[in-house]
Amino acid sequence: MTIDERRERERLERENPWRPIGEAKPDGSICELRMNNLTELGRHRFFLHEDRWFRIEPPGVSYHEGLVEFRPTGFTISKDRQASVIGRADRFEYRDGELYRKPKPYKLYWRADDAKGDK
């Protein structure tokens, strides 16, 4: 990294500082996340929806316990794209670069009459 690149990065960090995770609002802002050991989550971008951080690409839910800071990138994600990411995150899971389909939740529709106590 050259001196000019480092200065540019430092300037951007001064303009857009890290903020505590408690200040995050589910407004569709695309953010970067940092953990308590100051490890940034790399090139992944996230958005907050109903107190869960969703990774945009590949779609997934962030289950990191040590999230302490976020930094908005200045862009927002549309409601349609949010719904698409949330739906794919709930149906699929990426592990080691492979795509796996999550099992469907099992519902006992055929036992609905038994639950009411009808005979």
Protein backbone atom coordinates (compact mmCIF):
# COMPACT_ATOMS: atom_id res chain seq x y z
CA MET A 1 0.00 0.00 0.00
CA THR A 2 1.41 3.33 -0.99
CA ILE A 3 1.43 6.43 1.17
CA ASP A 4 -1.30 8.03 -0.98
CA GLU A 5 -3.53 4.96 -0.65
CA ARG A 6 -3.06 4.94 3.13
CA ARG A 7 -3.88 8.64 3.37
CA GLU A 8 -6.99 8.15 1.26
CA ARG A 9 -8.13 5.25 3.49
CA GLU A 10 -7.51 7.32 6.63
CA ARG A 11 -9.46 10.23 5.17
CA LEU A 12 -12.40 7.95 4.38
CA GLU A 13 -12.29 6.50 7.91
CA ARG A 14 -12.36 10.01 9.41
CA GLU A 15 -15.41 10.91 7.30
CA ASN A 16 -17.24 7.66 8.07
CA PRO A 17 -16.17 6.39 11.53
CA TRP A 18 -17.13 3.13 13.20
CA ARG A 19 -20.24 3.37 15.40
CA PRO A 20 -21.50 1.19 18.29
CA ILE A 21 -23.74 -1.67 17.17
CA GLY A 22 -26.51 -0.44 19.49
CA GLU A 23 -27.00 2.68 17.34
CA ALA A 24 -27.85 0.66 14.21
CA LYS A 25 -31.33 1.17 12.77
CA PRO A 26 -33.13 -1.14 10.33
CA ASP A 27 -33.40 1.49 7.61
CA GLY A 28 -31.90 -0.55 4.76
CA SER A 29 -28.40 0.91 5.03
CA ILE A 30 -25.64 -1.30 3.71
CA CYS A 31 -22.95 -1.61 6.39
CA GLU A 32 -19.60 -3.13 7.21
CA LEU A 33 -19.30 -4.94 10.55
CA ARG A 34 -16.45 -5.28 13.05
CA MET A 35 -16.13 -7.75 15.91
CA ASN A 36 -14.91 -7.17 19.49
CA ASN A 37 -11.35 -8.25 18.64
CA LEU A 38 -11.31 -5.52 15.91
CA THR A 39 -11.62 -8.14 13.17
CA GLU A 40 -13.52 -6.73 10.24
CA LEU A 41 -15.75 -9.15 8.38
CA GLY A 42 -13.87 -8.64 5.14
CA ARG A 43 -15.54 -7.72 1.91
CA HIS A 44 -18.99 -8.80 3.08
CA ARG A 45 -21.72 -6.18 3.33
CA PHE A 46 -24.70 -6.46 5.67
CA PHE A 47 -28.03 -4.82 6.43
CA LEU A 48 -30.11 -4.90 9.59
CA HIS A 49 -33.64 -6.32 9.54
CA GLU A 50 -35.64 -7.17 12.68
CA ASP A 51 -32.54 -7.29 14.93
CA ARG A 52 -30.68 -9.70 12.61
CA TRP A 53 -27.78 -8.80 10.33
CA PHE A 54 -28.16 -10.29 6.86
CA ARG A 55 -25.15 -10.75 4.60
CA ILE A 56 -25.99 -9.60 1.07
CA GLU A 57 -23.79 -11.77 -1.12
CA PRO A 58 -23.82 -14.70 -0.65
CA PRO A 59 -27.09 -14.39 1.29
CA GLY A 60 -26.90 -15.43 4.91
CA VAL A 61 -27.52 -14.43 8.49
CA SER A 62 -24.64 -13.21 10.65
CA TYR A 63 -24.53 -15.22 13.88
CA HIS A 64 -21.38 -13.60 15.22
CA GLU A 65 -21.72 -13.02 18.94
CA GLY A 66 -18.94 -10.47 19.20
CA LEU A 67 -20.30 -7.76 16.90
CA VAL A 68 -19.54 -4.39 18.45
CA GLU A 69 -19.30 -1.82 15.64
CA PHE A 70 -20.77 -1.03 12.26
CA ARG A 71 -20.00 1.49 9.57
CA PRO A 72 -22.55 2.47 6.90
CA THR A 73 -21.23 2.55 3.35
CA GLY A 74 -23.59 5.38 2.36
CA PHE A 75 -25.82 3.20 0.18
CA THR A 76 -29.20 1.63 0.89
CA ILE A 77 -30.74 -1.61 -0.31
CA SER A 78 -34.24 -1.62 -1.78
CA LYS A 79 -37.14 -3.39 -0.04
CA ASP A 80 -37.43 -5.90 -2.91
CA ARG A 81 -33.75 -6.77 -2.71
CA GLN A 82 -34.02 -7.08 1.09
CA ALA A 83 -36.92 -9.53 0.71
CA SER A 84 -34.92 -11.52 -1.85
CA VAL A 85 -31.85 -11.75 0.38
CA ILE A 86 -33.92 -12.68 3.45
CA GLY A 87 -35.80 -15.36 1.53
CA ARG A 88 -32.62 -16.90 0.13
CA ALA A 89 -30.91 -16.73 3.53
CA ASP A 90 -33.82 -18.64 5.07
CA ARG A 91 -33.90 -21.30 2.32
CA PHE A 92 -30.21 -21.82 1.57
CA GLU A 93 -26.93 -22.00 3.44
CA TYR A 94 -23.42 -21.47 2.13
CA ARG A 95 -20.69 -23.59 3.71
CA ASP A 96 -17.15 -23.70 2.35
CA GLY A 97 -18.30 -22.15 -0.92
CA GLU A 98 -20.98 -24.82 -1.47
CA LEU A 99 -24.72 -24.12 -1.60
CA TYR A 100 -26.91 -26.35 0.58
CA ARG A 101 -30.69 -26.26 0.81
CA LYS A 102 -31.95 -25.96 4.38
CA PRO A 103 -34.61 -28.49 5.36
CA LYS A 104 -38.17 -27.26 5.40
CA PRO A 105 -39.67 -26.75 8.84
CA TYR A 106 -41.90 -29.72 9.65
CA LYS A 107 -45.49 -28.75 10.42
CA LEU A 108 -48.09 -31.08 11.81
CA TYR A 109 -51.07 -30.01 9.72
CA TRP A 110 -52.61 -33.48 9.89
CA ARG A 111 -52.79 -33.25 13.70
CA ALA A 112 -54.74 -29.99 13.80
CA ASP A 113 -58.01 -31.77 14.73
CA ASP A 114 -56.30 -33.67 17.54
CA ALA A 115 -55.02 -30.45 19.03
CA LYS A 116 -58.54 -29.02 19.30
CA GLY A 117 -59.81 -32.07 21.16
CA ASP A 118 -62.51 -32.90 18.56
CA LYS A 119 -63.60 -36.53 18.44
